[in-house]
Amino acid sequence: MSSPWSAIIWWELRRIPFNAVMALAGFASIAVMFVIGGRFTPPGGDVLEPALLLVLVGGYAVVVNIAYTLGWISEWLWSAGRVENTAPVRPLVFRLGLAFSTLVTLAPAALILLVWAAFGFR
């Protein structure tokens, strides 16, 4: 029988790789937003104010990490503290959460690319 703390340790060991993937996806999304979105702004204009971007990125990082913490909290709740029962599905739950979070993070880039396509890539 494993300790309930083993679930927390398992999840927290994966937080840094999770945040690295989120940072890469976020950087890609911001890059697309500025490169493609810049085509829709007047010369010298900003797609998004840099100060607002910093606030949004910081806030998003906090929200994503709170959601990540729900991984081990929900595991504790589902297993009533008997995490040995949920341990086999942990990797799947992690991968699904990572995939969903990555898609959400890349959504602004996808939206801008769709708008750009709707305007005939001009």
N, C-alpha and C. Protein backbone atom coordinates (compact mmCIF):
# COMPACT_ATOMS: atom_id res chain seq x y z
N MET A 1 0.85 -1.19 0.00
CA MET A 1 0.00 0.00 0.00
C MET A 1 0.89 1.24 0.00
N SER A 2 0.62 2.13 -0.94
CA SER A 2 1.44 3.34 -1.02
C SER A 2 0.80 4.47 -0.23
N SER A 3 1.63 5.39 0.14
CA SER A 3 1.18 6.54 0.91
C SER A 3 0.41 7.51 0.02
N PRO A 4 -0.61 8.18 0.57
CA PRO A 4 -1.30 9.21 -0.21
C PRO A 4 -0.36 10.29 -0.71
N TRP A 5 0.76 10.49 0.00
CA TRP A 5 1.72 11.49 -0.44
C TRP A 5 2.44 11.08 -1.71
N SER A 6 2.42 9.79 -2.04
CA SER A 6 3.08 9.34 -3.25
C SER A 6 2.43 9.95 -4.50
N ALA A 7 1.13 10.20 -4.43
CA ALA A 7 0.44 10.83 -5.56
C ALA A 7 0.94 12.27 -5.74
N ILE A 8 1.09 12.98 -4.65
CA ILE A 8 1.57 14.36 -4.74
C ILE A 8 2.99 14.38 -5.31
N ILE A 9 3.83 13.50 -4.82
CA ILE A 9 5.21 13.45 -5.31
C ILE A 9 5.22 13.12 -6.80
N TRP A 10 4.40 12.15 -7.21
CA TRP A 10 4.34 11.76 -8.61
C TRP A 10 3.95 12.96 -9.48
N TRP A 11 2.90 13.68 -9.08
CA TRP A 11 2.44 14.83 -9.87
C TRP A 11 3.45 15.96 -9.85
N GLU A 12 4.01 16.26 -8.71
CA GLU A 12 4.93 17.39 -8.60
C GLU A 12 6.24 17.17 -9.35
N LEU A 13 6.66 15.91 -9.50
CA LEU A 13 7.86 15.63 -10.29
C LEU A 13 7.62 15.93 -11.77
N ARG A 14 6.38 16.00 -12.18
CA ARG A 14 6.04 16.27 -13.57
C ARG A 14 5.61 17.71 -13.82
N ARG A 15 5.56 18.51 -12.77
CA ARG A 15 5.13 19.90 -12.93
C ARG A 15 6.11 20.70 -13.79
N ILE A 16 7.40 20.53 -13.60
CA ILE A 16 8.37 21.31 -14.38
C ILE A 16 8.29 20.94 -15.86
N PRO A 17 8.28 19.65 -16.23
CA PRO A 17 8.09 19.35 -17.66
C PRO A 17 6.76 19.88 -18.21
N PHE A 18 5.71 19.81 -17.40
CA PHE A 18 4.41 20.35 -17.81
C PHE A 18 4.54 21.84 -18.09
N ASN A 19 5.16 22.57 -17.17
CA ASN A 19 5.32 24.02 -17.35
C ASN A 19 6.22 24.34 -18.54
N ALA A 20 7.21 23.49 -18.82
CA ALA A 20 8.07 23.71 -19.99
C ALA A 20 7.25 23.58 -21.28
N VAL A 21 6.38 22.59 -21.35
CA VAL A 21 5.52 22.42 -22.52
C VAL A 21 4.57 23.61 -22.65
N MET A 22 4.01 24.05 -21.52
CA MET A 22 3.11 25.21 -21.56
C MET A 22 3.86 26.47 -22.00
N ALA A 23 5.10 26.63 -21.56
CA ALA A 23 5.89 27.80 -21.96
C ALA A 23 6.16 27.77 -23.46
N LEU A 24 6.52 26.60 -24.00
CA LEU A 24 6.76 26.50 -25.44
C LEU A 24 5.50 26.77 -26.24
N ALA A 25 4.39 26.19 -25.81
CA ALA A 25 3.12 26.42 -26.51
C ALA A 25 2.71 27.88 -26.39
N GLY A 26 2.91 28.47 -25.24
CA GLY A 26 2.58 29.89 -25.04
C GLY A 26 3.44 30.78 -25.91
N PHE A 27 4.74 30.48 -25.97
CA PHE A 27 5.63 31.27 -26.82
C PHE A 27 5.21 31.17 -28.28
N ALA A 28 4.87 29.96 -28.72
CA ALA A 28 4.43 29.77 -30.11
C ALA A 28 3.15 30.56 -30.37
N SER A 29 2.24 30.51 -29.43
CA SER A 29 0.96 31.22 -29.59
C SER A 29 1.18 32.73 -29.65
N ILE A 30 2.04 33.25 -28.78
CA ILE A 30 2.33 34.68 -28.77
C ILE A 30 3.06 35.09 -30.05
N ALA A 31 3.99 34.25 -30.50
CA ALA A 31 4.73 34.56 -31.73
C ALA A 31 3.78 34.65 -32.92
N VAL A 32 2.87 33.69 -33.03
CA VAL A 32 1.90 33.72 -34.13
C VAL A 32 1.02 34.96 -34.01
N MET A 33 0.62 35.27 -32.78
CA MET A 33 -0.24 36.42 -32.56
C MET A 33 0.44 37.70 -33.04
N PHE A 34 1.72 37.86 -32.73
CA PHE A 34 2.41 39.08 -33.12
C PHE A 34 2.79 39.10 -34.60
N VAL A 35 3.21 37.96 -35.14
CA VAL A 35 3.63 37.93 -36.55
C VAL A 35 2.42 38.05 -37.47
N ILE A 36 1.42 37.21 -37.26
CA ILE A 36 0.24 37.23 -38.13
C ILE A 36 -0.71 38.35 -37.72
N GLY A 37 -0.93 38.51 -36.43
CA GLY A 37 -1.83 39.56 -35.95
C GLY A 37 -1.33 40.94 -36.31
N GLY A 38 -0.01 41.09 -36.43
CA GLY A 38 0.56 42.37 -36.81
C GLY A 38 0.13 42.81 -38.20
N ARG A 39 -0.29 41.89 -39.04
CA ARG A 39 -0.76 42.22 -40.38
C ARG A 39 -2.10 42.96 -40.34
N PHE A 40 -2.82 42.84 -39.23
CA PHE A 40 -4.14 43.45 -39.11
C PHE A 40 -4.12 44.78 -38.37
N THR A 41 -2.95 45.18 -37.89
CA THR A 41 -2.86 46.44 -37.15
C THR A 41 -2.22 47.50 -38.03
N PRO A 42 -2.53 48.76 -37.77
CA PRO A 42 -1.90 49.83 -38.55
C PRO A 42 -0.40 49.88 -38.25
N PRO A 43 0.38 50.43 -39.18
CA PRO A 43 1.83 50.54 -38.94
C PRO A 43 2.12 51.27 -37.62
N GLY A 44 3.00 50.68 -36.84
CA GLY A 44 3.37 51.27 -35.55
C GLY A 44 2.43 50.88 -34.43
N GLY A 45 1.35 50.19 -34.75
CA GLY A 45 0.39 49.76 -33.73
C GLY A 45 0.78 48.43 -33.13
N ASP A 46 0.25 48.17 -31.95
CA ASP A 46 0.51 46.90 -31.26
C ASP A 46 -0.70 46.00 -31.38
N VAL A 47 -0.45 44.71 -31.56
CA VAL A 47 -1.52 43.73 -31.52
C VAL A 47 -2.10 43.70 -30.11
N LEU A 48 -1.21 43.78 -29.14
CA LEU A 48 -1.58 43.76 -27.73
C LEU A 48 -0.56 44.60 -26.98
N GLU A 49 -1.03 45.40 -26.07
CA GLU A 49 -0.12 46.23 -25.28
C GLU A 49 0.84 45.32 -24.51
N PRO A 50 2.14 45.61 -24.56
CA PRO A 50 3.12 44.76 -23.87
C PRO A 50 2.84 44.59 -22.37
N ALA A 51 2.41 45.63 -21.70
CA ALA A 51 2.12 45.51 -20.26
C ALA A 51 0.95 44.57 -20.02
N LEU A 52 -0.06 44.67 -20.87
CA LEU A 52 -1.21 43.77 -20.75
C LEU A 52 -0.79 42.34 -21.03
N LEU A 53 0.08 42.14 -22.00
CA LEU A 53 0.58 40.80 -22.31
C LEU A 53 1.25 40.18 -21.10
N LEU A 54 2.08 40.96 -20.40
CA LEU A 54 2.74 40.44 -19.19
C LEU A 54 1.73 40.03 -18.13
N VAL A 55 0.70 40.84 -17.94
CA VAL A 55 -0.33 40.52 -16.95
C VAL A 55 -1.08 39.25 -17.36
N LEU A 56 -1.43 39.16 -18.64
CA LEU A 56 -2.17 38.00 -19.13
C LEU A 56 -1.34 36.72 -19.03
N VAL A 57 -0.07 36.79 -19.41
CA VAL A 57 0.80 35.61 -19.34
C VAL A 57 0.97 35.17 -17.88
N GLY A 58 1.22 36.13 -17.00
CA GLY A 58 1.37 35.79 -15.58
C GLY A 58 0.10 35.20 -15.00
N GLY A 59 -1.03 35.79 -15.31
CA GLY A 59 -2.31 35.26 -14.83
C GLY A 59 -2.60 33.88 -15.38
N TYR A 60 -2.29 33.68 -16.66
CA TYR A 60 -2.52 32.37 -17.27
C TYR A 60 -1.63 31.31 -16.62
N ALA A 61 -0.38 31.67 -16.33
CA ALA A 61 0.53 30.73 -15.68
C ALA A 61 0.00 30.31 -14.31
N VAL A 62 -0.55 31.25 -13.57
CA VAL A 62 -1.11 30.92 -12.26
C VAL A 62 -2.32 29.99 -12.42
N VAL A 63 -3.21 30.32 -13.34
CA VAL A 63 -4.42 29.51 -13.55
C VAL A 63 -4.06 28.10 -14.00
N VAL A 64 -3.10 27.98 -14.93
CA VAL A 64 -2.70 26.67 -15.42
C VAL A 64 -2.10 25.83 -14.29
N ASN A 65 -1.33 26.45 -13.42
CA ASN A 65 -0.74 25.70 -12.32
C ASN A 65 -1.76 25.33 -11.26
N ILE A 66 -2.76 26.16 -11.05
CA ILE A 66 -3.84 25.78 -10.15
C ILE A 66 -4.59 24.58 -10.73
N ALA A 67 -4.87 24.62 -12.03
CA ALA A 67 -5.53 23.50 -12.68
C ALA A 67 -4.67 22.24 -12.60
N TYR A 68 -3.37 22.38 -12.75
CA TYR A 68 -2.47 21.23 -12.65
C TYR A 68 -2.56 20.61 -11.25
N THR A 69 -2.61 21.43 -10.24
CA THR A 69 -2.71 20.95 -8.87
C THR A 69 -3.98 20.12 -8.66
N LEU A 70 -5.01 20.41 -9.44
CA LEU A 70 -6.23 19.62 -9.35
C LEU A 70 -5.99 18.16 -9.73
N GLY A 71 -4.89 17.87 -10.42
CA GLY A 71 -4.56 16.48 -10.76
C GLY A 71 -4.43 15.63 -9.52
N TRP A 72 -3.56 16.03 -8.61
CA TRP A 72 -3.40 15.20 -7.42
C TRP A 72 -4.52 15.39 -6.40
N ILE A 73 -5.12 16.58 -6.39
CA ILE A 73 -6.26 16.77 -5.47
C ILE A 73 -7.41 15.87 -5.88
N SER A 74 -7.72 15.84 -7.17
CA SER A 74 -8.82 14.99 -7.63
C SER A 74 -8.49 13.51 -7.43
N GLU A 75 -7.22 13.16 -7.60
CA GLU A 75 -6.84 11.77 -7.37
C GLU A 75 -7.08 11.37 -5.92
N TRP A 76 -6.72 12.25 -5.01
CA TRP A 76 -6.99 11.97 -3.59
C TRP A 76 -8.49 11.81 -3.34
N LEU A 77 -9.27 12.71 -3.93
CA LEU A 77 -10.72 12.65 -3.72
C LEU A 77 -11.33 11.39 -4.32
N TRP A 78 -10.96 11.07 -5.56
CA TRP A 78 -11.52 9.89 -6.22
C TRP A 78 -11.16 8.60 -5.50
N SER A 79 -9.95 8.56 -4.95
CA SER A 79 -9.49 7.32 -4.32
C SER A 79 -9.74 7.28 -2.82
N ALA A 80 -10.30 8.36 -2.28
CA ALA A 80 -10.51 8.48 -0.83
C ALA A 80 -9.19 8.23 -0.08
N GLY A 81 -8.10 8.72 -0.67
CA GLY A 81 -6.80 8.58 -0.04
C GLY A 81 -6.09 7.28 -0.36
N ARG A 82 -6.74 6.38 -1.06
CA ARG A 82 -6.13 5.09 -1.43
C ARG A 82 -5.56 5.20 -2.85
N VAL A 83 -4.49 5.94 -2.97
CA VAL A 83 -3.95 6.27 -4.29
C VAL A 83 -3.35 5.08 -5.02
N GLU A 84 -3.15 3.98 -4.35
CA GLU A 84 -2.66 2.80 -5.06
C GLU A 84 -3.69 2.31 -6.08
N ASN A 85 -4.97 2.64 -5.85
CA ASN A 85 -6.02 2.26 -6.80
C ASN A 85 -6.01 3.13 -8.05
N THR A 86 -5.58 4.36 -7.93
CA THR A 86 -5.58 5.28 -9.07
C THR A 86 -4.22 5.40 -9.75
N ALA A 87 -3.19 4.85 -9.13
CA ALA A 87 -1.84 4.95 -9.69
C ALA A 87 -1.74 4.45 -11.13
N PRO A 88 -2.41 3.37 -11.51
CA PRO A 88 -2.27 2.89 -12.89
C PRO A 88 -2.80 3.88 -13.94
N VAL A 89 -3.76 4.71 -13.59
CA VAL A 89 -4.33 5.64 -14.58
C VAL A 89 -3.67 7.02 -14.54
N ARG A 90 -2.78 7.24 -13.60
CA ARG A 90 -2.10 8.54 -13.47
C ARG A 90 -1.43 8.99 -14.77
N PRO A 91 -0.63 8.14 -15.41
CA PRO A 91 0.03 8.61 -16.65
C PRO A 91 -0.98 9.02 -17.73
N LEU A 92 -2.07 8.29 -17.85
CA LEU A 92 -3.09 8.65 -18.84
C LEU A 92 -3.73 9.99 -18.50
N VAL A 93 -4.07 10.18 -17.23
CA VAL A 93 -4.68 11.45 -16.81
C VAL A 93 -3.70 12.60 -17.05
N PHE A 94 -2.43 12.37 -16.75
CA PHE A 94 -1.42 13.40 -16.99
C PHE A 94 -1.35 13.74 -18.47
N ARG A 95 -1.26 12.74 -19.33
CA ARG A 95 -1.15 12.99 -20.78
C ARG A 95 -2.39 13.69 -21.32
N LEU A 96 -3.56 13.28 -20.86
CA LEU A 96 -4.79 13.95 -21.32
C LEU A 96 -4.83 15.40 -20.87
N GLY A 97 -4.45 15.64 -19.62
CA GLY A 97 -4.40 17.02 -19.12
C GLY A 97 -3.38 17.86 -19.85
N LEU A 98 -2.23 17.27 -20.15
CA LEU A 98 -1.20 17.98 -20.90
C LEU A 98 -1.68 18.31 -22.30
N ALA A 99 -2.32 17.35 -22.95
CA ALA A 99 -2.84 17.59 -24.31
C ALA A 99 -3.90 18.68 -24.30
N PHE A 100 -4.84 18.61 -23.37
CA PHE A 100 -5.90 19.62 -23.28
C PHE A 100 -5.31 21.00 -23.00
N SER A 101 -4.40 21.08 -22.06
CA SER A 101 -3.79 22.37 -21.70
C SER A 101 -3.00 22.95 -22.87
N THR A 102 -2.32 22.09 -23.61
CA THR A 102 -1.57 22.55 -24.77
C THR A 102 -2.51 23.10 -25.84
N LEU A 103 -3.61 22.39 -26.07
CA LEU A 103 -4.59 22.87 -27.06
C LEU A 103 -5.18 24.22 -26.65
N VAL A 104 -5.49 24.37 -25.39
CA VAL A 104 -6.04 25.64 -24.91
C VAL A 104 -5.00 26.75 -25.07
N THR A 105 -3.75 26.45 -24.78
CA THR A 105 -2.69 27.44 -24.89
C THR A 105 -2.44 27.84 -26.35
N LEU A 106 -2.61 26.90 -27.26
CA LEU A 106 -2.40 27.19 -28.68
C LEU A 106 -3.65 27.75 -29.36
N ALA A 107 -4.77 27.79 -28.66
CA ALA A 107 -6.03 28.27 -29.26
C ALA A 107 -5.93 29.68 -29.83
N PRO A 108 -5.31 30.65 -29.16
CA PRO A 108 -5.21 31.98 -29.77
C PRO A 108 -4.48 31.97 -31.11
N ALA A 109 -3.42 31.17 -31.21
CA ALA A 109 -2.69 31.07 -32.47
C ALA A 109 -3.58 30.47 -33.56
N ALA A 110 -4.32 29.44 -33.21
CA ALA A 110 -5.21 28.81 -34.18
C ALA A 110 -6.29 29.78 -34.62
N LEU A 111 -6.82 30.56 -33.70
CA LEU A 111 -7.86 31.53 -34.04
C LEU A 111 -7.31 32.60 -34.99
N ILE A 112 -6.13 33.09 -34.72
CA ILE A 112 -5.53 34.11 -35.58
C ILE A 112 -5.25 33.54 -36.97
N LEU A 113 -4.77 32.30 -37.01
CA LEU A 113 -4.53 31.68 -38.32
C LEU A 113 -5.83 31.49 -39.09
N LEU A 114 -6.92 31.16 -38.39
CA LEU A 114 -8.22 31.04 -39.07
C LEU A 114 -8.71 32.40 -39.60
N VAL A 115 -8.53 33.44 -38.81
CA VAL A 115 -8.92 34.78 -39.26
C VAL A 115 -8.09 35.18 -40.48
N TRP A 116 -6.80 34.91 -40.42
CA TRP A 116 -5.91 35.23 -41.53
C TRP A 116 -6.34 34.47 -42.78
N ALA A 117 -6.69 33.20 -42.64
CA ALA A 117 -7.16 32.40 -43.77
C ALA A 117 -8.47 32.96 -44.30
N ALA A 118 -9.36 33.40 -43.40
CA ALA A 118 -10.64 33.96 -43.83
C ALA A 118 -10.45 35.23 -44.67
N PHE A 119 -9.38 35.96 -44.40
CA PHE A 119 -9.08 37.17 -45.17
C PHE A 119 -8.19 36.86 -46.38
N GLY A 120 -8.07 35.59 -46.75
CA GLY A 120 -7.31 35.21 -47.93
C GLY A 120 -5.81 35.34 -47.74
N PHE A 121 -5.33 35.17 -46.54
CA PHE A 121 -3.89 35.25 -46.23
C PHE A 121 -3.28 36.58 -46.66
N ARG A 122 -4.06 37.65 -46.52
CA ARG A 122 -3.55 39.00 -46.84
C ARG A 122 -3.39 39.80 -45.58
